[in-house]
Protein backbone atom coordinates (compact mmCIF):
# COMPACT_ATOMS: atom_id res chain seq x y z
CA UNK A 1 51.63 -37.37 -53.02
CA UNK A 2 50.78 -35.52 -49.80
CA UNK A 3 47.26 -34.93 -51.06
CA UNK A 4 46.81 -38.65 -51.67
CA UNK A 5 47.98 -39.45 -48.17
CA UNK A 6 45.63 -36.86 -46.67
CA UNK A 7 42.71 -38.23 -48.73
CA UNK A 8 43.57 -41.79 -47.66
CA UNK A 9 43.79 -40.64 -44.03
CA UNK A 10 40.42 -38.87 -44.35
CA UNK A 11 38.89 -42.03 -45.82
CA UNK A 12 40.33 -44.19 -43.02
CA UNK A 13 39.16 -41.71 -40.37
CA UNK A 14 35.71 -41.66 -41.97
CA UNK A 15 35.58 -45.48 -41.91
CA UNK A 16 36.68 -45.49 -38.29
CA UNK A 17 34.00 -42.97 -37.36
CA UNK A 18 31.38 -45.06 -39.17
CA UNK A 19 32.59 -48.20 -37.38
CA UNK A 20 32.54 -46.34 -34.05
CA UNK A 21 28.94 -45.23 -34.70
CA UNK A 22 27.98 -48.81 -35.59
CA UNK A 23 29.65 -50.15 -32.44
CA UNK A 24 27.95 -47.53 -30.25
CA UNK A 25 24.56 -48.46 -31.73
CA UNK A 26 25.29 -52.15 -31.20
CA UNK A 27 26.41 -51.45 -27.64
CA UNK A 28 23.17 -49.58 -26.94
CA UNK A 29 21.14 -52.41 -28.43
CA UNK A 30 23.03 -54.99 -26.38
CA UNK A 31 22.63 -52.91 -23.21
CA UNK A 32 18.88 -52.79 -23.78
CA UNK A 33 18.83 -56.55 -24.38
CA UNK A 34 20.76 -57.12 -21.14
CA UNK A 35 18.20 -55.03 -19.26
CA UNK A 36 15.35 -57.06 -20.76
CA UNK A 37 17.07 -60.33 -19.87
CA UNK A 38 17.77 -59.15 -16.32
CA UNK A 39 14.11 -58.24 -15.88
CA UNK A 40 13.10 -61.65 -17.23
CA UNK A 41 15.55 -63.32 -14.84
CA UNK A 42 14.10 -61.42 -11.88
CA UNK A 43 10.60 -62.42 -12.91
CA UNK A 44 11.66 -66.04 -13.31
CA UNK A 45 13.34 -66.04 -9.91
CA UNK A 46 10.19 -64.61 -8.31
CA UNK A 47 8.02 -67.22 -10.03
CA UNK A 48 10.44 -69.95 -9.00
CA UNK A 49 10.26 -68.79 -5.37
CA UNK A 50 6.47 -68.70 -5.48
CA UNK A 51 6.31 -72.20 -7.00
CA UNK A 52 8.85 -73.48 -4.50
CA UNK A 53 6.74 -72.13 -1.64
CA UNK A 54 3.61 -73.70 -3.11
CA UNK A 55 5.42 -77.02 -3.54
CA UNK A 56 6.56 -76.94 0.08
CA UNK A 57 2.99 -76.24 1.20
CA UNK A 58 1.72 -79.07 -0.99
CA UNK A 59 4.26 -81.46 0.53
CA UNK A 60 3.14 -80.44 4.03
CA UNK A 61 -0.48 -81.08 3.02
CA UNK A 62 0.44 -84.50 1.63
CA UNK A 63 2.14 -85.45 4.90
CA UNK A 64 -0.85 -84.19 6.85
CA UNK A 65 -3.21 -86.10 4.56
CA UNK A 66 -1.27 -89.34 5.05
CA UNK A 67 -1.42 -88.89 8.83
CA UNK A 68 -5.15 -88.25 8.66
CA UNK A 69 -5.70 -91.30 6.44
CA UNK A 70 -3.77 -93.43 8.94
CA UNK A 71 -5.83 -92.04 11.83
CA UNK A 72 -9.03 -92.62 9.85
CA UNK A 73 -8.05 -96.25 9.31
CA UNK A 74 -7.35 -96.71 13.00
CA UNK A 75 -10.71 -95.13 13.90
CA UNK A 76 -12.52 -97.45 11.48
CA UNK A 77 -10.91 -100.43 13.14
CA UNK A 78 -11.93 -99.16 16.60
CA UNK A 79 -15.48 -98.40 15.47
CA UNK A 80 -15.76 -101.82 13.84
CA UNK A 81 -14.50 -103.39 17.05
CA UNK A 82 -17.11 -101.50 19.06
CA UNK A 83 -19.85 -102.53 16.64
CA UNK A 84 -18.73 -106.15 16.86
CA UNK A 85 -18.81 -105.96 20.66
CA UNK A 86 -22.32 -104.46 20.55
CA UNK A 87 -23.52 -107.29 18.34
CA UNK A 88 -22.10 -109.86 20.75
CA UNK A 89 -23.97 -108.31 23.67
CA UNK A 90 -27.33 -109.75 24.37
CA UNK A 91 -29.44 -106.71 25.04
CA UNK A 92 -33.14 -107.44 25.56
């Protein structure tokens, strides 16, 4: 009877040790996965910052381009007005 209990206890302890080993291996694997995911997150954040900066620069260029197009239109009107005035002048 005592021998059976000791054998059962040994079996249970052995199962617990095996489960502990499995959990330690799983924990190590998960820790490595977390490190990989953290590195990927850092890379994504850096790329996001870079793209955000580029987008801001692009928006500034678009605003500048619109201003320049408006100025170009105004200059065309002025030049056309000057050309019209020159045509009206009677220069011998």
